[in-house]
Amino acid sequence: MFDFRPEPGTPKPEAYRQLLDAAEALTAGEPDGVANMANIAALLWDFLPELNWSGFYRVMEGELVLGPFVGRPACIRIPMGQGVCGVAAKEGTTQLVEDVHAFPGHIACDAVTNSELVVPILGGGKPIAVIDLDSPAKARFDREDADGIEALARMLSDRI
């Protein structure tokens, strides 16, 4: 049994360094992208407080398709450019949303979600998936969270 959780009170930059180390350990040498996404979704859920969903959407045939996740059932398909995940995938840019209800075109898969962080994973310079983190707390995510998840996305780019 693995327990990668940081000690309570660990500063965010150090916690994200530990998260990256744990993700490296879990995915190193594993060629199955779905298995890697499943372990990382669980790792994020375990590592980060105040989440109600952590997981992946994969870019498939011009749309986002639900990948491994932890949380309540979710939207299965999201058109590119729609919702927070679709915008992140279409633009290839991180979406840090303090209040999803103020985001134009937000897709409410779970009514308790109030803030969201979505980071694209690039392969060959194009989005191949997104990491999606949802929270019931408004303004749960900040630039340090985005930086940490962006580092994770770069590491996973050739492992999913």
N, C-alpha and C. Protein backbone atom coordinates (compact mmCIF):
# COMPACT_ATOMS: atom_id res chain seq x y z
N MET A 1 0.85 -1.18 0.00
CA MET A 1 0.00 0.00 0.00
C MET A 1 0.88 1.23 0.00
N PHE A 2 0.57 2.15 -0.89
CA PHE A 2 1.32 3.39 -0.97
C PHE A 2 0.61 4.47 -0.17
N ASP A 3 1.37 5.30 0.52
CA ASP A 3 0.83 6.48 1.18
C ASP A 3 1.77 7.63 0.88
N PHE A 4 1.40 8.41 -0.12
CA PHE A 4 2.26 9.49 -0.59
C PHE A 4 1.88 10.85 0.00
N ARG A 5 0.81 10.91 0.79
CA ARG A 5 0.30 12.20 1.28
C ARG A 5 1.36 13.01 2.01
N PRO A 6 1.38 14.31 1.75
CA PRO A 6 2.33 15.17 2.48
C PRO A 6 1.85 15.38 3.92
N GLU A 7 2.77 15.75 4.77
CA GLU A 7 2.43 16.07 6.16
C GLU A 7 1.51 17.29 6.18
N PRO A 8 0.57 17.33 7.11
CA PRO A 8 -0.27 18.54 7.24
C PRO A 8 0.61 19.78 7.44
N GLY A 9 0.21 20.87 6.80
CA GLY A 9 0.96 22.12 6.93
C GLY A 9 2.13 22.26 5.98
N THR A 10 2.35 21.26 5.12
CA THR A 10 3.43 21.36 4.14
C THR A 10 3.14 22.51 3.18
N PRO A 11 4.10 23.43 2.98
CA PRO A 11 3.87 24.53 2.03
C PRO A 11 3.55 23.98 0.63
N LYS A 12 2.70 24.68 -0.11
CA LYS A 12 2.26 24.20 -1.43
C LYS A 12 3.40 23.84 -2.37
N PRO A 13 4.42 24.68 -2.52
CA PRO A 13 5.48 24.29 -3.46
C PRO A 13 6.12 22.95 -3.09
N GLU A 14 6.34 22.71 -1.81
CA GLU A 14 6.92 21.44 -1.37
C GLU A 14 5.93 20.30 -1.57
N ALA A 15 4.65 20.54 -1.28
CA ALA A 15 3.64 19.50 -1.48
C ALA A 15 3.57 19.10 -2.95
N TYR A 16 3.63 20.08 -3.85
CA TYR A 16 3.59 19.76 -5.28
C TYR A 16 4.88 19.07 -5.74
N ARG A 17 6.01 19.39 -5.12
CA ARG A 17 7.24 18.66 -5.44
C ARG A 17 7.07 17.19 -5.04
N GLN A 18 6.49 16.96 -3.86
CA GLN A 18 6.24 15.59 -3.40
C GLN A 18 5.22 14.88 -4.29
N LEU A 19 4.20 15.62 -4.74
CA LEU A 19 3.21 15.05 -5.65
C LEU A 19 3.88 14.60 -6.94
N LEU A 20 4.75 15.43 -7.48
CA LEU A 20 5.45 15.10 -8.72
C LEU A 20 6.33 13.87 -8.53
N ASP A 21 7.03 13.80 -7.39
CA ASP A 21 7.85 12.63 -7.09
C ASP A 21 7.00 11.37 -7.01
N ALA A 22 5.84 11.47 -6.35
CA ALA A 22 4.95 10.31 -6.22
C ALA A 22 4.41 9.89 -7.59
N ALA A 23 4.02 10.87 -8.40
CA ALA A 23 3.52 10.56 -9.74
C ALA A 23 4.60 9.90 -10.58
N GLU A 24 5.82 10.38 -10.45
CA GLU A 24 6.95 9.76 -11.16
C GLU A 24 7.11 8.31 -10.73
N ALA A 25 7.05 8.06 -9.43
CA ALA A 25 7.22 6.70 -8.92
C ALA A 25 6.09 5.78 -9.39
N LEU A 26 4.88 6.30 -9.45
CA LEU A 26 3.73 5.48 -9.85
C LEU A 26 3.68 5.17 -11.34
N THR A 27 4.22 6.07 -12.17
CA THR A 27 4.07 5.90 -13.61
C THR A 27 5.34 5.48 -14.34
N ALA A 28 6.48 5.57 -13.68
CA ALA A 28 7.75 5.23 -14.34
C ALA A 28 7.72 3.80 -14.86
N GLY A 29 7.97 3.66 -16.15
CA GLY A 29 8.07 2.34 -16.75
C GLY A 29 6.74 1.68 -17.07
N GLU A 30 5.62 2.31 -16.71
CA GLU A 30 4.31 1.72 -17.01
C GLU A 30 3.82 2.25 -18.36
N PRO A 31 3.67 1.37 -19.35
CA PRO A 31 3.27 1.83 -20.68
C PRO A 31 1.77 2.07 -20.85
N ASP A 32 0.93 1.60 -19.92
CA ASP A 32 -0.51 1.74 -20.08
C ASP A 32 -0.98 3.11 -19.59
N GLY A 33 -1.39 3.95 -20.52
CA GLY A 33 -1.81 5.31 -20.20
C GLY A 33 -3.03 5.37 -19.31
N VAL A 34 -3.98 4.46 -19.50
CA VAL A 34 -5.19 4.46 -18.68
C VAL A 34 -4.84 4.11 -17.24
N ALA A 35 -3.97 3.14 -17.05
CA ALA A 35 -3.54 2.79 -15.70
C ALA A 35 -2.83 3.97 -15.04
N ASN A 36 -2.01 4.65 -15.80
CA ASN A 36 -1.31 5.82 -15.26
C ASN A 36 -2.28 6.94 -14.88
N MET A 37 -3.26 7.20 -15.74
CA MET A 37 -4.25 8.23 -15.42
C MET A 37 -5.06 7.84 -14.18
N ALA A 38 -5.41 6.58 -14.05
CA ALA A 38 -6.18 6.12 -12.89
C ALA A 38 -5.40 6.34 -11.61
N ASN A 39 -4.14 5.96 -11.60
CA ASN A 39 -3.33 6.17 -10.40
C ASN A 39 -3.14 7.64 -10.09
N ILE A 40 -2.96 8.47 -11.10
CA ILE A 40 -2.76 9.90 -10.86
C ILE A 40 -4.05 10.55 -10.38
N ALA A 41 -5.20 10.16 -10.92
CA ALA A 41 -6.47 10.70 -10.43
C ALA A 41 -6.64 10.40 -8.94
N ALA A 42 -6.31 9.17 -8.54
CA ALA A 42 -6.39 8.80 -7.12
C ALA A 42 -5.36 9.54 -6.29
N LEU A 43 -4.17 9.71 -6.84
CA LEU A 43 -3.12 10.44 -6.13
C LEU A 43 -3.54 11.89 -5.88
N LEU A 44 -4.08 12.54 -6.89
CA LEU A 44 -4.55 13.92 -6.74
C LEU A 44 -5.64 14.02 -5.68
N TRP A 45 -6.57 13.08 -5.72
CA TRP A 45 -7.66 13.03 -4.74
C TRP A 45 -7.11 12.91 -3.32
N ASP A 46 -6.11 12.08 -3.18
CA ASP A 46 -5.51 11.82 -1.87
C ASP A 46 -4.65 12.99 -1.39
N PHE A 47 -3.98 13.65 -2.33
CA PHE A 47 -3.01 14.71 -2.02
C PHE A 47 -3.65 16.06 -1.73
N LEU A 48 -4.68 16.39 -2.48
CA LEU A 48 -5.21 17.75 -2.46
C LEU A 48 -6.50 17.84 -1.65
N PRO A 49 -6.55 18.73 -0.67
CA PRO A 49 -7.77 18.89 0.13
C PRO A 49 -8.85 19.65 -0.65
N GLU A 50 -10.06 19.51 -0.20
CA GLU A 50 -11.22 20.25 -0.72
C GLU A 50 -11.52 19.99 -2.18
N LEU A 51 -11.37 18.75 -2.62
CA LEU A 51 -11.77 18.38 -3.98
C LEU A 51 -13.08 17.60 -3.92
N ASN A 52 -13.90 17.76 -4.94
CA ASN A 52 -15.04 16.87 -5.11
C ASN A 52 -14.92 16.07 -6.42
N TRP A 53 -13.83 16.32 -7.19
CA TRP A 53 -13.59 15.55 -8.42
C TRP A 53 -12.15 15.77 -8.85
N SER A 54 -11.50 14.70 -9.24
CA SER A 54 -10.16 14.80 -9.83
C SER A 54 -10.06 13.74 -10.92
N GLY A 55 -9.59 14.16 -12.07
CA GLY A 55 -9.48 13.17 -13.13
C GLY A 55 -9.06 13.76 -14.46
N PHE A 56 -9.36 12.99 -15.49
CA PHE A 56 -8.88 13.28 -16.84
C PHE A 56 -10.01 13.24 -17.85
N TYR A 57 -9.88 14.08 -18.84
CA TYR A 57 -10.63 13.96 -20.09
C TYR A 57 -9.60 13.81 -21.19
N ARG A 58 -9.85 12.87 -22.11
CA ARG A 58 -8.93 12.60 -23.21
C ARG A 58 -9.45 13.21 -24.50
N VAL A 59 -8.56 13.74 -25.31
CA VAL A 59 -8.94 14.26 -26.62
C VAL A 59 -9.05 13.07 -27.56
N MET A 60 -10.28 12.88 -28.08
CA MET A 60 -10.53 11.75 -28.98
C MET A 60 -11.46 12.22 -30.09
N GLU A 61 -10.98 12.12 -31.32
CA GLU A 61 -11.77 12.45 -32.50
C GLU A 61 -12.45 13.82 -32.37
N GLY A 62 -11.68 14.81 -31.94
CA GLY A 62 -12.15 16.18 -31.92
C GLY A 62 -13.03 16.58 -30.76
N GLU A 63 -13.13 15.74 -29.73
CA GLU A 63 -13.89 16.10 -28.54
C GLU A 63 -13.19 15.51 -27.31
N LEU A 64 -13.63 15.94 -26.15
CA LEU A 64 -13.10 15.38 -24.90
C LEU A 64 -13.97 14.23 -24.46
N VAL A 65 -13.32 13.13 -24.07
CA VAL A 65 -14.03 11.94 -23.60
C VAL A 65 -13.53 11.63 -22.19
N LEU A 66 -14.45 11.35 -21.31
CA LEU A 66 -14.14 11.06 -19.92
C LEU A 66 -13.09 9.97 -19.79
N GLY A 67 -12.11 10.23 -18.94
CA GLY A 67 -11.07 9.26 -18.63
C GLY A 67 -11.17 8.86 -17.17
N PRO A 68 -10.14 8.23 -16.63
CA PRO A 68 -10.16 7.85 -15.23
C PRO A 68 -10.34 9.06 -14.31
N PHE A 69 -11.09 8.84 -13.23
CA PHE A 69 -11.37 9.92 -12.29
C PHE A 69 -11.75 9.36 -10.93
N VAL A 70 -11.79 10.26 -9.94
CA VAL A 70 -12.31 9.96 -8.62
C VAL A 70 -13.35 11.04 -8.33
N GLY A 71 -14.53 10.63 -7.92
CA GLY A 71 -15.60 11.57 -7.63
C GLY A 71 -16.92 11.02 -8.12
N ARG A 72 -17.92 11.90 -8.17
CA ARG A 72 -19.25 11.52 -8.62
C ARG A 72 -19.26 11.32 -10.13
N PRO A 73 -20.25 10.60 -10.65
CA PRO A 73 -20.34 10.44 -12.10
C PRO A 73 -20.27 11.79 -12.81
N ALA A 74 -19.68 11.78 -14.01
CA ALA A 74 -19.38 13.02 -14.72
C ALA A 74 -19.89 12.98 -16.15
N CYS A 75 -19.86 14.14 -16.77
CA CYS A 75 -20.19 14.25 -18.20
C CYS A 75 -19.24 13.35 -18.98
N ILE A 76 -19.77 12.62 -19.94
CA ILE A 76 -18.93 11.68 -20.68
C ILE A 76 -18.22 12.37 -21.85
N ARG A 77 -18.91 13.22 -22.58
CA ARG A 77 -18.32 13.89 -23.73
C ARG A 77 -18.51 15.40 -23.61
N ILE A 78 -17.44 16.12 -23.92
CA ILE A 78 -17.46 17.58 -23.88
C ILE A 78 -16.91 18.09 -25.21
N PRO A 79 -17.68 18.90 -25.92
CA PRO A 79 -17.18 19.46 -27.18
C PRO A 79 -15.98 20.38 -26.94
N MET A 80 -15.06 20.37 -27.86
CA MET A 80 -13.91 21.28 -27.78
C MET A 80 -14.42 22.71 -27.76
N GLY A 81 -13.85 23.51 -26.86
CA GLY A 81 -14.23 24.91 -26.77
C GLY A 81 -15.41 25.18 -25.87
N GLN A 82 -16.04 24.13 -25.33
CA GLN A 82 -17.20 24.33 -24.45
C GLN A 82 -16.85 23.96 -23.02
N GLY A 83 -17.34 24.76 -22.07
CA GLY A 83 -17.05 24.50 -20.67
C GLY A 83 -15.59 24.78 -20.37
N VAL A 84 -15.24 24.65 -19.12
CA VAL A 84 -13.86 24.93 -18.69
C VAL A 84 -12.90 23.94 -19.34
N CYS A 85 -13.26 22.66 -19.33
CA CYS A 85 -12.38 21.64 -19.91
C CYS A 85 -12.22 21.82 -21.42
N GLY A 86 -13.33 22.09 -22.11
CA GLY A 86 -13.27 22.26 -23.55
C GLY A 86 -12.46 23.47 -23.98
N VAL A 87 -12.53 24.56 -23.19
CA VAL A 87 -11.73 25.74 -23.50
C VAL A 87 -10.25 25.44 -23.27
N ALA A 88 -9.93 24.77 -22.16
CA ALA A 88 -8.53 24.42 -21.88
C ALA A 88 -7.95 23.56 -23.01
N ALA A 89 -8.73 22.60 -23.48
CA ALA A 89 -8.24 21.71 -24.54
C ALA A 89 -8.13 22.45 -25.87
N LYS A 90 -9.11 23.24 -26.22
CA LYS A 90 -9.08 23.94 -27.52
C LYS A 90 -7.95 24.96 -27.57
N GLU A 91 -7.78 25.72 -26.48
CA GLU A 91 -6.76 26.77 -26.47
C GLU A 91 -5.40 26.25 -26.04
N GLY A 92 -5.35 25.07 -25.43
CA GLY A 92 -4.08 24.54 -24.93
C GLY A 92 -3.54 25.35 -23.76
N THR A 93 -4.45 25.97 -22.99
CA THR A 93 -4.03 26.81 -21.88
C THR A 93 -4.72 26.42 -20.59
N THR A 94 -4.04 26.64 -19.49
CA THR A 94 -4.59 26.38 -18.16
C THR A 94 -5.77 27.30 -17.90
N GLN A 95 -6.82 26.74 -17.31
CA GLN A 95 -8.00 27.51 -16.91
C GLN A 95 -8.11 27.44 -15.39
N LEU A 96 -7.91 28.57 -14.75
CA LEU A 96 -7.98 28.71 -13.30
C LEU A 96 -9.24 29.53 -13.01
N VAL A 97 -10.29 28.86 -12.55
CA VAL A 97 -11.61 29.50 -12.44
C VAL A 97 -12.03 29.55 -10.97
N GLU A 98 -12.09 30.76 -10.44
CA GLU A 98 -12.46 30.95 -9.03
C GLU A 98 -13.92 30.67 -8.78
N ASP A 99 -14.79 30.99 -9.74
CA ASP A 99 -16.23 30.79 -9.60
C ASP A 99 -16.77 30.27 -10.93
N VAL A 100 -17.04 28.97 -10.99
CA VAL A 100 -17.49 28.36 -12.25
C VAL A 100 -18.82 28.92 -12.72
N HIS A 101 -19.63 29.43 -11.79
CA HIS A 101 -20.94 29.96 -12.16
C HIS A 101 -20.82 31.27 -12.94
N ALA A 102 -19.65 31.90 -12.88
CA ALA A 102 -19.40 33.12 -13.63
C ALA A 102 -18.67 32.84 -14.95
N PHE A 103 -18.32 31.57 -15.21
CA PHE A 103 -17.60 31.19 -16.43
C PHE A 103 -18.60 31.02 -17.56
N PRO A 104 -18.46 31.77 -18.65
CA PRO A 104 -19.41 31.65 -19.77
C PRO A 104 -19.41 30.23 -20.34
N GLY A 105 -20.59 29.63 -20.39
CA GLY A 105 -20.71 28.30 -20.97
C GLY A 105 -20.29 27.16 -20.06
N HIS A 106 -20.16 27.43 -18.76
CA HIS A 106 -19.78 26.37 -17.82
C HIS A 106 -20.73 25.19 -17.93
N ILE A 107 -20.17 23.98 -17.93
CA ILE A 107 -20.97 22.76 -17.98
C ILE A 107 -21.00 22.20 -16.55
N ALA A 108 -22.17 22.16 -15.96
CA ALA A 108 -22.29 21.72 -14.56
C ALA A 108 -22.53 20.22 -14.50
N CYS A 109 -21.45 19.46 -14.37
CA CYS A 109 -21.58 18.02 -14.20
C CYS A 109 -21.99 17.70 -12.76
N ASP A 110 -21.54 18.51 -11.81
CA ASP A 110 -21.88 18.32 -10.40
C ASP A 110 -22.23 19.69 -9.83
N ALA A 111 -23.44 19.85 -9.34
CA ALA A 111 -23.93 21.14 -8.87
C ALA A 111 -23.17 21.68 -7.68
N VAL A 112 -22.43 20.84 -6.96
CA VAL A 112 -21.70 21.34 -5.78
C VAL A 112 -20.36 21.98 -6.15
N THR A 113 -19.92 21.83 -7.38
CA THR A 113 -18.65 22.43 -7.80
C THR A 113 -18.79 23.95 -7.89
N ASN A 114 -17.82 24.65 -7.27
CA ASN A 114 -17.80 26.11 -7.31
C ASN A 114 -16.53 26.67 -7.94
N SER A 115 -15.43 25.92 -7.91
CA SER A 115 -14.20 26.38 -8.56
C SER A 115 -13.56 25.21 -9.27
N GLU A 116 -12.69 25.54 -10.24
CA GLU A 116 -12.14 24.49 -11.09
C GLU A 116 -10.76 24.91 -11.59
N LEU A 117 -9.90 23.91 -11.72
CA LEU A 117 -8.59 24.08 -12.33
C LEU A 117 -8.45 23.01 -13.40
N VAL A 118 -8.23 23.43 -14.64
CA VAL A 118 -8.07 22.49 -15.75
C VAL A 118 -6.76 22.81 -16.45
N VAL A 119 -5.93 21.79 -16.58
CA VAL A 119 -4.60 21.95 -17.19
C VAL A 119 -4.49 20.99 -18.36
N PRO A 120 -4.18 21.51 -19.56
CA PRO A 120 -4.00 20.62 -20.71
C PRO A 120 -2.69 19.83 -20.62
N ILE A 121 -2.73 18.63 -21.14
CA ILE A 121 -1.53 17.81 -21.30
C ILE A 121 -1.24 17.81 -22.80
N LEU A 122 -0.04 18.24 -23.16
CA LEU A 122 0.32 18.34 -24.56
C LEU A 122 1.18 17.17 -24.99
N GLY A 123 0.91 16.68 -26.17
CA GLY A 123 1.73 15.64 -26.80
C GLY A 123 1.99 16.08 -28.23
N GLY A 124 3.24 16.20 -28.59
CA GLY A 124 3.57 16.69 -29.93
C GLY A 124 3.08 18.12 -30.16
N GLY A 125 3.01 18.91 -29.08
CA GLY A 125 2.60 20.30 -29.18
C GLY A 125 1.10 20.51 -29.23
N LYS A 126 0.31 19.41 -29.17
CA LYS A 126 -1.15 19.52 -29.23
C LYS A 126 -1.75 18.91 -27.96
N PRO A 127 -2.89 19.44 -27.51
CA PRO A 127 -3.56 18.83 -26.35
C PRO A 127 -3.98 17.39 -26.64
N ILE A 128 -3.63 16.49 -25.72
CA ILE A 128 -4.03 15.09 -25.84
C ILE A 128 -4.98 14.70 -24.71
N ALA A 129 -5.02 15.52 -23.66
CA ALA A 129 -5.89 15.27 -22.51
C ALA A 129 -5.88 16.53 -21.65
N VAL A 130 -6.76 16.54 -20.65
CA VAL A 130 -6.72 17.59 -19.64
C VAL A 130 -6.81 16.94 -18.27
N ILE A 131 -6.16 17.57 -17.30
CA ILE A 131 -6.34 17.22 -15.89
C ILE A 131 -7.39 18.19 -15.37
N ASP A 132 -8.43 17.64 -14.77
CA ASP A 132 -9.55 18.45 -14.28
C ASP A 132 -9.67 18.27 -12.77
N LEU A 133 -9.63 19.38 -12.03
CA LEU A 133 -9.82 19.37 -10.59
C LEU A 133 -10.99 20.29 -10.25
N ASP A 134 -11.95 19.77 -9.50
CA ASP A 134 -13.12 20.53 -9.08
C ASP A 134 -13.16 20.63 -7.57
N SER A 135 -13.71 21.74 -7.07
CA SER A 135 -13.84 21.93 -5.63
C SER A 135 -15.18 22.57 -5.30
N PRO A 136 -15.76 22.19 -4.16
CA PRO A 136 -16.96 22.87 -3.71
C PRO A 136 -16.67 24.26 -3.13
N ALA A 137 -15.40 24.55 -2.86
CA ALA A 137 -15.01 25.86 -2.30
C ALA A 137 -14.77 26.85 -3.43
N LYS A 138 -15.29 28.05 -3.30
CA LYS A 138 -14.97 29.10 -4.27
C LYS A 138 -13.52 29.50 -4.10
N ALA A 139 -12.86 29.82 -5.21
CA ALA A 139 -11.46 30.27 -5.22
C ALA A 139 -10.54 29.27 -4.52
N ARG A 140 -10.82 27.97 -4.65
CA ARG A 140 -10.00 26.94 -4.02
C ARG A 140 -8.59 26.90 -4.60
N PHE A 141 -8.47 27.17 -5.89
CA PHE A 141 -7.19 27.02 -6.59
C PHE A 141 -6.54 28.37 -6.83
N ASP A 142 -5.20 28.38 -6.77
CA ASP A 142 -4.46 29.62 -7.02
C ASP A 142 -3.31 29.32 -7.98
N ARG A 143 -2.47 30.31 -8.21
CA ARG A 143 -1.37 30.15 -9.18
C ARG A 143 -0.40 29.06 -8.75
N GLU A 144 -0.18 28.87 -7.46
CA GLU A 144 0.71 27.79 -7.00
C GLU A 144 0.13 26.43 -7.37
N ASP A 145 -1.19 26.28 -7.24
CA ASP A 145 -1.84 25.03 -7.66
C ASP A 145 -1.67 24.83 -9.16
N ALA A 146 -1.90 25.88 -9.92
CA ALA A 146 -1.76 25.79 -11.38
C ALA A 146 -0.33 25.41 -11.76
N ASP A 147 0.65 26.04 -11.13
CA ASP A 147 2.05 25.71 -11.42
C ASP A 147 2.35 24.25 -11.12
N GLY A 148 1.85 23.76 -9.99
CA GLY A 148 2.09 22.37 -9.62
C GLY A 148 1.45 21.39 -10.57
N ILE A 149 0.22 21.65 -10.98
CA ILE A 149 -0.47 20.74 -11.90
C ILE A 149 0.11 20.86 -13.31
N GLU A 150 0.57 22.04 -13.70
CA GLU A 150 1.25 22.17 -15.00
C GLU A 150 2.53 21.34 -15.04
N ALA A 151 3.28 21.31 -13.95
CA ALA A 151 4.48 20.47 -13.90
C ALA A 151 4.10 19.00 -14.02
N LEU A 152 3.02 18.61 -13.37
CA LEU A 152 2.53 17.23 -13.46
C LEU A 152 2.13 16.92 -14.91
N ALA A 153 1.43 17.83 -15.55
CA ALA A 153 1.01 17.62 -16.95
C ALA A 153 2.21 17.43 -17.87
N ARG A 154 3.24 18.22 -17.67
CA ARG A 154 4.46 18.06 -18.50
C ARG A 154 5.07 16.68 -18.29
N MET A 155 5.13 16.23 -17.04
CA MET A 155 5.70 14.91 -16.75
C MET A 155 4.87 13.79 -17.36
N LEU A 156 3.55 13.96 -17.38
CA LEU A 156 2.67 12.89 -17.89
C LEU A 156 2.54 12.88 -19.40
N SER A 157 3.07 13.87 -20.08
CA SER A 157 2.82 14.01 -21.52
C SER A 157 3.22 12.80 -22.34
N ASP A 158 4.21 12.05 -21.90
CA ASP A 158 4.59 10.84 -22.66
C ASP A 158 4.23 9.56 -21.90
N ARG A 159 3.36 9.68 -20.90
CA ARG A 159 2.99 8.51 -20.10
C ARG A 159 1.50 8.18 -20.17
N ILE A 160 0.77 8.98 -20.94
CA ILE A 160 -0.66 8.68 -21.10
C ILE A 160 -0.94 8.51 -22.57
